[in-house]
Amino acid sequence: MSERRRVAYVIGFSAPPVLHLADFLHLLHERGWDTYVILSPTAASWVDVDALTEVSGHPVRVEPRRPQDPDPLPQADAVIAAPLSFNSLNKWATGISDTLALGLLNEAVGLPVPVVAAICVKDALRRHPAFGLSVTLLRSAGASVIDDSLLTVGPRSGVVTFAWSDVILPEIDLAAREGE
């Protein structure tokens, strides 16, 4: 009987790196993670959901389940919000759960699992007062917030993307090793 692989929720929002989310899923799989993709409704309209389902091996979730339906997601060992947009960053920091993706992030803050957020925010929006407050608040709640200036790589297919290997922080790899 094989041991359970560690479970990572990969929660994507509408920022250009979401177009290359499959690259990140491949990296996580190579490191022993079983990935479950949850997308904001707008992000889901940007990507090939069927292709992400194929790569992850599980249906991509966008809508919440009905109360009478069983939870299709196993317990997470890590939660990774990547990419996280300005709008979603601020909603998450204030506790707004108007999508499944944000609801899961809000719950994750209260779980004993690593929570990593890779933001993707334009320079002009970084100067908005809500940006710094939201980052500070989420970090104080225990989330590891990675600044996209450390992640963003030049245009690929006309849009910027992340150096996805840099999103896998030591606490994510540690959680994977603890499951071995």
C-alpha atoms as a PDB file:
ATOM      1  CA  MET A   1       0.000   0.000   0.000  1.00  0.00           C
ATOM      2  CA  SER A   2       1.439   3.374  -0.977  1.00  0.00           C
ATOM      3  CA  GLU A   3       1.585   6.324   1.370  1.00  0.00           C
ATOM      4  CA  ARG A   4      -0.556   9.365   0.774  1.00  0.00           C
ATOM      5  CA  ARG A   5       1.167  12.115  -1.184  1.00  0.00           C
ATOM      6  CA  ARG A   6       1.137  15.533   0.425  1.00  0.00           C
ATOM      7  CA  VAL A   7      -1.716  17.728  -0.792  1.00  0.00           C
ATOM      8  CA  ALA A   8      -1.199  21.281  -2.048  1.00  0.00           C
ATOM      9  CA  TYR A   9      -4.073  23.575  -2.885  1.00  0.00           C
ATOM     10  CA  VAL A  10      -2.906  25.824  -5.724  1.00  0.00           C
ATOM     11  CA  ILE A  11      -5.226  28.829  -5.792  1.00  0.00           C
ATOM     12  CA  GLY A  12      -4.924  31.037  -8.860  1.00  0.00           C
ATOM     13  CA  PHE A  13      -6.286  34.490  -9.553  1.00  0.00           C
ATOM     14  CA  SER A  14      -6.527  36.706 -12.627  1.00  0.00           C
ATOM     15  CA  ALA A  15      -2.962  37.884 -13.152  1.00  0.00           C
ATOM     16  CA  PRO A  16      -0.804  36.996 -16.183  1.00  0.00           C
ATOM     17  CA  PRO A  17       1.245  34.194 -14.531  1.00  0.00           C
ATOM     18  CA  VAL A  18      -1.938  32.117 -14.196  1.00  0.00           C
ATOM     19  CA  LEU A  19      -1.595  31.446 -17.938  1.00  0.00           C
ATOM     20  CA  HIS A  20       1.448  29.290 -17.103  1.00  0.00           C
ATOM     21  CA  LEU A  21       0.105  27.627 -13.953  1.00  0.00           C
ATOM     22  CA  ALA A  22       0.661  24.169 -15.461  1.00  0.00           C
ATOM     23  CA  ASP A  23       4.428  24.796 -15.217  1.00  0.00           C
ATOM     24  CA  PHE A  24       4.050  25.222 -11.463  1.00  0.00           C
ATOM     25  CA  LEU A  25       1.937  22.075 -11.139  1.00  0.00           C
ATOM     26  CA  HIS A  26       4.671  20.065 -12.879  1.00  0.00           C
ATOM     27  CA  LEU A  27       7.277  21.413 -10.437  1.00  0.00           C
ATOM     28  CA  LEU A  28       5.127  20.506  -7.452  1.00  0.00           C
ATOM     29  CA  HIS A  29       4.531  17.002  -8.800  1.00  0.00           C
ATOM     30  CA  GLU A  30       8.290  16.521  -9.215  1.00  0.00           C
ATOM     31  CA  ARG A  31       8.656  17.381  -5.523  1.00  0.00           C
ATOM     32  CA  GLY A  32       6.077  14.805  -4.455  1.00  0.00           C
ATOM     33  CA  TRP A  33       2.955  16.944  -4.162  1.00  0.00           C
ATOM     34  CA  ASP A  34      -0.569  16.013  -5.191  1.00  0.00           C
ATOM     35  CA  THR A  35      -2.090  19.265  -6.490  1.00  0.00           C
ATOM     36  CA  TYR A  36      -5.659  20.520  -6.379  1.00  0.00           C
ATOM     37  CA  VAL A  37      -6.305  23.653  -8.423  1.00  0.00           C
ATOM     38  CA  ILE A  38      -8.847  26.234  -7.329  1.00  0.00           C
ATOM     39  CA  LEU A  39      -9.371  29.294  -9.534  1.00  0.00           C
ATOM     40  CA  SER A  40     -11.216  32.554  -9.198  1.00  0.00           C
ATOM     41  CA  PRO A  41     -14.014  32.823 -11.764  1.00  0.00           C
ATOM     42  CA  THR A  42     -12.064  35.362 -13.836  1.00  0.00           C
ATOM     43  CA  ALA A  43      -8.878  33.264 -13.773  1.00  0.00           C
ATOM     44  CA  ALA A  44     -10.924  30.262 -14.925  1.00  0.00           C
ATOM     45  CA  SER A  45     -12.077  32.267 -17.935  1.00  0.00           C
ATOM     46  CA  TRP A  46      -8.435  32.991 -18.869  1.00  0.00           C
ATOM     47  CA  VAL A  47      -7.037  29.454 -18.825  1.00  0.00           C
ATOM     48  CA  ASP A  48      -7.699  26.046 -20.319  1.00  0.00           C
ATOM     49  CA  VAL A  49      -9.404  24.451 -17.319  1.00  0.00           C
ATOM     50  CA  ASP A  50      -9.432  21.014 -18.966  1.00  0.00           C
ATOM     51  CA  ALA A  51      -5.658  21.153 -19.489  1.00  0.00           C
ATOM     52  CA  LEU A  52      -5.100  22.094 -15.835  1.00  0.00           C
ATOM     53  CA  THR A  53      -7.384  19.239 -14.797  1.00  0.00           C
ATOM     54  CA  GLU A  54      -5.276  16.859 -16.856  1.00  0.00           C
ATOM     55  CA  VAL A  55      -1.996  18.123 -15.378  1.00  0.00           C
ATOM     56  CA  SER A  56      -3.232  18.109 -11.771  1.00  0.00           C
ATOM     57  CA  GLY A  57      -5.118  14.846 -12.077  1.00  0.00           C
ATOM     58  CA  HIS A  58      -8.140  16.369 -10.329  1.00  0.00           C
ATOM     59  CA  PRO A  59     -11.061  18.543 -11.423  1.00  0.00           C
ATOM     60  CA  VAL A  60     -10.352  22.258 -11.210  1.00  0.00           C
ATOM     61  CA  ARG A  61     -12.661  23.917  -8.713  1.00  0.00           C
ATOM     62  CA  VAL A  62     -14.192  27.343  -9.305  1.00  0.00           C
ATOM     63  CA  GLU A  63     -17.618  27.208  -7.690  1.00  0.00           C
ATOM     64  CA  PRO A  64     -18.342  26.235  -4.090  1.00  0.00           C
ATOM     65  CA  ARG A  65     -20.031  22.921  -3.456  1.00  0.00           C
ATOM     66  CA  ARG A  66     -23.645  22.755  -2.387  1.00  0.00           C
ATOM     67  CA  PRO A  67     -24.155  22.211   1.361  1.00  0.00           C
ATOM     68  CA  GLN A  68     -25.503  18.691   0.829  1.00  0.00           C
ATOM     69  CA  ASP A  69     -22.561  17.609  -1.372  1.00  0.00           C
ATOM     70  CA  PRO A  70     -19.463  15.952   0.081  1.00  0.00           C
ATOM     71  CA  ASP A  71     -16.281  18.003   0.119  1.00  0.00           C
ATOM     72  CA  PRO A  72     -14.276  17.009  -2.989  1.00  0.00           C
ATOM     73  CA  LEU A  73     -11.029  18.413  -1.560  1.00  0.00           C
ATOM     74  CA  PRO A  74      -8.854  16.411   0.818  1.00  0.00           C
ATOM     75  CA  GLN A  75      -7.214  18.146   3.755  1.00  0.00           C
ATOM     76  CA  ALA A  76      -4.408  20.427   2.572  1.00  0.00           C
ATOM     77  CA  ASP A  77      -0.821  20.122   3.736  1.00  0.00           C
ATOM     78  CA  ALA A  78       0.046  23.462   2.095  1.00  0.00           C
ATOM     79  CA  VAL A  79      -1.914  26.273   0.462  1.00  0.00           C
ATOM     80  CA  ILE A  80      -0.330  28.318  -2.308  1.00  0.00           C
ATOM     81  CA  ALA A  81      -2.015  31.399  -3.770  1.00  0.00           C
ATOM     82  CA  ALA A  82      -0.244  32.012  -7.066  1.00  0.00           C
ATOM     83  CA  PRO A  83      -0.645  34.365  -8.719  1.00  0.00           C
ATOM     84  CA  LEU A  84      -2.464  36.607  -6.254  1.00  0.00           C
ATOM     85  CA  SER A  85      -3.828  39.829  -7.753  1.00  0.00           C
ATOM     86  CA  PHE A  86      -4.160  43.243  -6.076  1.00  0.00           C
ATOM     87  CA  ASN A  87      -7.919  42.890  -5.766  1.00  0.00           C
ATOM     88  CA  SER A  88      -7.760  39.393  -4.289  1.00  0.00           C
ATOM     89  CA  LEU A  89      -4.897  40.301  -1.950  1.00  0.00           C
ATOM     90  CA  ASN A  90      -6.974  43.090  -0.438  1.00  0.00           C
ATOM     91  CA  LYS A  91     -10.145  41.013  -0.248  1.00  0.00           C
ATOM     92  CA  TRP A  92      -8.257  38.191   1.466  1.00  0.00           C
ATOM     93  CA  ALA A  93      -6.652  40.555   3.980  1.00  0.00           C
ATOM     94  CA  THR A  94     -10.079  41.911   4.963  1.00  0.00           C
ATOM     95  CA  GLY A  95     -11.669  38.465   5.194  1.00  0.00           C
ATOM     96  CA  ILE A  96     -13.954  38.673   2.163  1.00  0.00           C
ATOM     97  CA  SER A  97     -14.987  35.216   0.923  1.00  0.00           C
ATOM     98  CA  ASP A  98     -17.041  36.029  -2.163  1.00  0.00           C
ATOM     99  CA  THR A  99     -15.460  33.212  -4.235  1.00  0.00           C
ATOM    100  CA  LEU A 100     -14.419  29.663  -3.416  1.00  0.00           C
ATOM    101  CA  ALA A 101     -10.781  30.674  -3.941  1.00  0.00           C
ATOM    102  CA  LEU A 102     -10.957  33.484  -1.374  1.00  0.00           C
ATOM    103  CA  GLY A 103     -13.000  31.386   1.040  1.00  0.00           C
ATOM    104  CA  LEU A 104     -10.318  28.694   1.055  1.00  0.00           C
ATOM    105  CA  LEU A 105      -7.565  31.280   1.588  1.00  0.00           C
ATOM    106  CA  ASN A 106      -9.473  32.781   4.509  1.00  0.00           C
ATOM    107  CA  GLU A 107      -9.853  29.331   6.073  1.00  0.00           C
ATOM    108  CA  ALA A 108      -6.187  28.518   5.453  1.00  0.00           C
ATOM    109  CA  VAL A 109      -5.046  31.340   7.744  1.00  0.00           C
ATOM    110  CA  GLY A 110      -6.563  29.380  10.628  1.00  0.00           C
ATOM    111  CA  LEU A 111      -5.012  26.033   9.702  1.00  0.00           C
ATOM    112  CA  PRO A 112      -1.683  24.626  10.897  1.00  0.00           C
ATOM    113  CA  VAL A 113      -0.293  24.428   7.344  1.00  0.00           C
ATOM    114  CA  PRO A 114       2.108  26.627   5.381  1.00  0.00           C
ATOM    115  CA  VAL A 115       0.320  29.339   3.410  1.00  0.00           C
ATOM    116  CA  VAL A 116       2.300  30.977   0.610  1.00  0.00           C
ATOM    117  CA  ALA A 117       1.129  33.849  -1.581  1.00  0.00           C
ATOM    118  CA  ALA A 118       2.965  34.930  -4.725  1.00  0.00           C
ATOM    119  CA  ILE A 119       1.597  38.361  -5.564  1.00  0.00           C
ATOM    120  CA  CYS A 120       1.443  39.860  -9.035  1.00  0.00           C
ATOM    121  CA  VAL A 121       0.707  43.575  -8.741  1.00  0.00           C
ATOM    122  CA  LYS A 122       1.415  46.499 -11.051  1.00  0.00           C
ATOM    123  CA  ASP A 123       3.745  49.234  -9.791  1.00  0.00           C
ATOM    124  CA  ALA A 124       0.971  51.836  -9.733  1.00  0.00           C
ATOM    125  CA  LEU A 125      -1.170  49.616  -7.482  1.00  0.00           C
ATOM    126  CA  ARG A 126       1.755  49.020  -5.111  1.00  0.00           C
ATOM    127  CA  ARG A 127       1.562  52.722  -4.256  1.00  0.00           C
ATOM    128  CA  HIS A 128      -2.055  52.356  -3.127  1.00  0.00           C
ATOM    129  CA  PRO A 129      -2.223  52.452   0.695  1.00  0.00           C
ATOM    130  CA  ALA A 130      -4.215  49.204   0.860  1.00  0.00           C
ATOM    131  CA  PHE A 131      -1.373  47.219  -0.729  1.00  0.00           C
ATOM    132  CA  GLY A 132       1.182  47.566   2.064  1.00  0.00           C
ATOM    133  CA  LEU A 133      -1.448  47.214   4.769  1.00  0.00           C
ATOM    134  CA  SER A 134      -2.753  43.983   3.238  1.00  0.00           C
ATOM    135  CA  VAL A 135       0.711  42.457   2.858  1.00  0.00           C
ATOM    136  CA  THR A 136       1.589  43.361   6.440  1.00  0.00           C
ATOM    137  CA  LEU A 137      -1.682  41.989   7.795  1.00  0.00           C
ATOM    138  CA  LEU A 138      -1.363  38.666   5.963  1.00  0.00           C
ATOM    139  CA  ARG A 139       2.262  38.258   7.034  1.00  0.00           C
ATOM    140  CA  SER A 140       1.267  38.931  10.643  1.00  0.00           C
ATOM    141  CA  ALA A 141      -1.320  36.150  10.276  1.00  0.00           C
ATOM    142  CA  GLY A 142       1.452  33.736   9.280  1.00  0.00           C
ATOM    143  CA  ALA A 143       1.238  33.778   5.489  1.00  0.00           C
ATOM    144  CA  SER A 144       4.484  33.914   3.516  1.00  0.00           C
ATOM    145  CA  VAL A 145       3.916  36.683   0.979  1.00  0.00           C
ATOM    146  CA  ILE A 146       6.431  36.654  -1.869  1.00  0.00           C
ATOM    147  CA  ASP A 147       6.873  39.897  -3.742  1.00  0.00           C
ATOM    148  CA  ASP A 148       6.537  39.401  -7.480  1.00  0.00           C
ATOM    149  CA  SER A 149       9.551  41.624  -8.099  1.00  0.00           C
ATOM    150  CA  LEU A 150      11.534  38.571  -6.948  1.00  0.00           C
ATOM    151  CA  LEU A 151       9.556  36.187  -9.174  1.00  0.00           C
ATOM    152  CA  THR A 152       8.580  37.888 -12.401  1.00  0.00           C
ATOM    153  CA  VAL A 153      10.396  36.953 -15.564  1.00  0.00           C
ATOM    154  CA  GLY A 154      10.172  38.607 -18.959  1.00  0.00           C
ATOM    155  CA  PRO A 155       7.359  38.201 -21.394  1.00  0.00           C
ATOM    156  CA  ARG A 156       6.660  34.652 -22.473  1.00  0.00           C
ATOM    157  CA  SER A 157       4.043  34.373 -25.166  1.00  0.00           C
ATOM    158  CA  GLY A 158       3.508  38.110 -24.782  1.00  0.00           C
ATOM    159  CA  VAL A 159       2.884  38.158 -21.005  1.00  0.00           C
ATOM    160  CA  VAL A 160       5.031  38.060 -17.893  1.00  0.00           C
ATOM    161  CA  THR A 161       5.154  34.912 -15.820  1.00  0.00           C
ATOM    162  CA  PHE A 162       6.818  33.732 -12.621  1.00  0.00           C
ATOM    163  CA  ALA A 163      10.043  31.866 -12.038  1.00  0.00           C
ATOM    164  CA  TRP A 164       7.812  29.171 -10.571  1.00  0.00           C
ATOM    165  CA  SER A 165      10.598  27.304  -8.780  1.00  0.00           C
ATOM    166  CA  ASP A 166      11.042  30.378  -6.557  1.00  0.00           C
ATOM    167  CA  VAL A 167       7.455  30.053  -5.305  1.00  0.00           C
ATOM    168  CA  ILE A 168       8.330  26.793  -3.563  1.00  0.00           C
ATOM    169  CA  LEU A 169       9.660  28.182  -0.289  1.00  0.00           C
ATOM    170  CA  PRO A 170      11.556  26.089   2.269  1.00  0.00           C
ATOM    171  CA  GLU A 171       8.415  25.588   4.364  1.00  0.00           C
ATOM    172  CA  ILE A 172       6.677  23.990   1.387  1.00  0.00           C
ATOM    173  CA  ASP A 173       9.542  21.570   0.795  1.00  0.00           C
ATOM    174  CA  LEU A 174       9.730  20.891   4.539  1.00  0.00           C
ATOM    175  CA  ALA A 175       6.037  20.006   4.610  1.00  0.00           C
ATOM    176  CA  ALA A 176       6.625  17.603   1.723  1.00  0.00           C
ATOM    177  CA  ARG A 177       9.530  15.910   3.525  1.00  0.00           C
ATOM    178  CA  GLU A 178       7.476  15.568   6.729  1.00  0.00           C
ATOM    179  CA  GLY A 179       4.967  13.526   4.729  1.00  0.00           C
ATOM    180  CA  GLU A 180       7.572  11.022   3.483  1.00  0.00           C
END
